[in-house]
Protein backbone atom coordinates (compact mmCIF):
# COMPACT_ATOMS: atom_id res chain seq x y z
CA MET A 1 1.10 -33.66 4.80
CA GLY A 2 0.42 -34.53 1.60
CA VAL A 3 0.66 -32.98 -1.85
CA VAL A 4 -2.95 -32.22 -1.71
CA ASP A 5 -3.10 -30.71 1.80
CA LEU A 6 -0.18 -28.57 0.92
CA VAL A 7 -2.20 -27.91 -2.02
CA TRP A 8 -4.95 -26.44 -0.29
CA HIS A 9 -2.93 -24.90 2.71
CA VAL A 10 -1.43 -22.82 0.23
CA LEU A 11 -4.39 -21.64 -1.64
CA ASN A 12 -5.97 -20.78 1.96
CA PHE A 13 -3.64 -18.39 2.24
CA PHE A 14 -3.67 -16.49 -0.80
CA ALA A 15 -7.40 -16.57 -0.59
CA PRO A 16 -7.76 -13.47 1.48
CA ALA A 17 -5.51 -11.47 -0.57
CA CYS A 18 -7.79 -12.35 -3.50
CA ALA A 19 -10.70 -12.19 -2.46
CA VAL A 20 -9.89 -8.71 -1.01
CA GLY A 21 -8.12 -7.44 -3.57
CA LEU A 22 -10.99 -8.28 -6.16
CA LEU A 23 -13.62 -7.08 -3.36
CA THR A 24 -12.05 -3.90 -2.98
CA ALA A 25 -11.07 -2.57 -6.88
CA SER A 26 -14.88 -4.21 -7.66
CA LEU A 27 -16.20 -1.16 -4.45
CA VAL A 28 -13.82 1.22 -6.11
CA LYS A 29 -15.21 0.78 -10.35
CA LEU A 30 -18.70 1.52 -8.32
CA VAL A 31 -17.74 4.64 -5.82
CA TRP A 32 -15.57 6.24 -9.35
CA TRP A 33 -17.33 4.98 -12.06
CA ARG A 34 -16.94 8.39 -13.55
CA SER A 35 -14.05 9.25 -13.31
CA LEU A 36 -12.16 5.60 -13.53
CA ARG A 37 -14.09 4.60 -17.02
CA GLY A 38 -10.86 4.53 -18.54
CA VAL A 39 -9.48 2.04 -16.42
CA GLY A 40 -10.04 -1.58 -16.35
CA TRP A 41 -11.34 -3.39 -13.45
CA LEU A 42 -9.29 -6.25 -14.36
CA GLY A 43 -6.00 -4.26 -14.09
CA LEU A 44 -7.23 -2.87 -10.57
CA SER A 45 -8.36 -6.42 -9.64
CA LEU A 46 -4.63 -7.43 -10.42
CA ALA A 47 -3.09 -4.45 -8.97
CA ALA A 48 -5.19 -5.19 -5.63
CA SER A 49 -4.61 -8.45 -5.31
CA LEU A 50 -1.13 -8.61 -6.05
CA ALA A 51 -0.94 -5.90 -3.22
CA CYS A 52 -2.73 -7.89 -0.96
CA THR A 53 -0.68 -10.67 -1.55
CA VAL A 54 2.98 -8.82 -0.83
CA GLY A 55 1.50 -7.90 2.78
CA LEU A 56 0.45 -11.70 3.58
CA VAL A 57 3.64 -13.08 2.76
CA ALA A 58 6.01 -9.91 4.19
CA GLY A 59 3.63 -10.51 7.34
CA LEU A 60 3.83 -14.28 7.07
CA VAL A 61 7.97 -13.17 7.01
CA ILE A 62 8.33 -10.92 9.85
CA PHE A 63 6.02 -12.59 12.34
CA GLY A 64 7.53 -16.17 11.59
CA ARG A 65 3.25 -17.00 10.91
CA ASP A 66 0.04 -15.84 9.21
CA GLY A 67 -3.29 -14.52 10.96
CA LYS A 68 -2.15 -11.69 13.02
CA MET A 69 -4.26 -8.64 12.27
CA ALA A 70 -1.23 -6.72 11.62
CA THR A 71 -0.77 -8.89 8.70
CA TYR A 72 -3.93 -7.95 7.87
CA GLY A 73 -3.65 -4.38 8.57
CA LEU A 74 -0.41 -3.53 6.12
CA MET A 75 -2.45 -6.12 3.51
CA LEU A 76 -5.48 -3.28 3.77
CA LEU A 77 -2.95 -0.57 3.46
CA LEU A 78 -1.19 -1.75 0.77
CA CYS A 79 -4.42 -2.59 -1.30
CA THR A 80 -5.80 1.22 -0.78
CA LEU A 81 -2.01 2.50 -1.75
CA SER A 82 -1.70 0.23 -5.00
CA LEU A 83 -5.66 1.34 -5.66
CA GLY A 84 -4.84 5.06 -5.45
CA TRP A 85 -1.67 4.27 -7.65
CA PHE A 86 -2.74 2.46 -10.70
CA GLY A 87 -6.93 3.84 -10.42
CA LEU A 88 -6.73 7.17 -9.39
CA ARG A 89 -3.34 8.23 -10.48
CA LYS A 90 -4.56 7.45 -14.27
CA ALA A 91 -7.87 9.04 -14.17
CA THR A 92 -6.58 12.33 -12.86
CA HIS A 93 -4.31 12.11 -16.25
């Protein structure tokens, strides 16, 4: 595998985590816009994307390959927990 192929492979591995993190943070800000008035979109997006990335890497380590449904389930669970922790927890205080 060449360097260019390796870069594309790594970018494609992390693309679902970034996309889900950005999309869910945007939807959370859209749905709970009054409660999340003081919480920044960028912070929510970074927290959600990082949590999704941790889920993808954990799935790769546990199962030995990527693309398993359990990995994506773990990614969504961690994304939800991070948005609840960093977003809605700050909104209620």
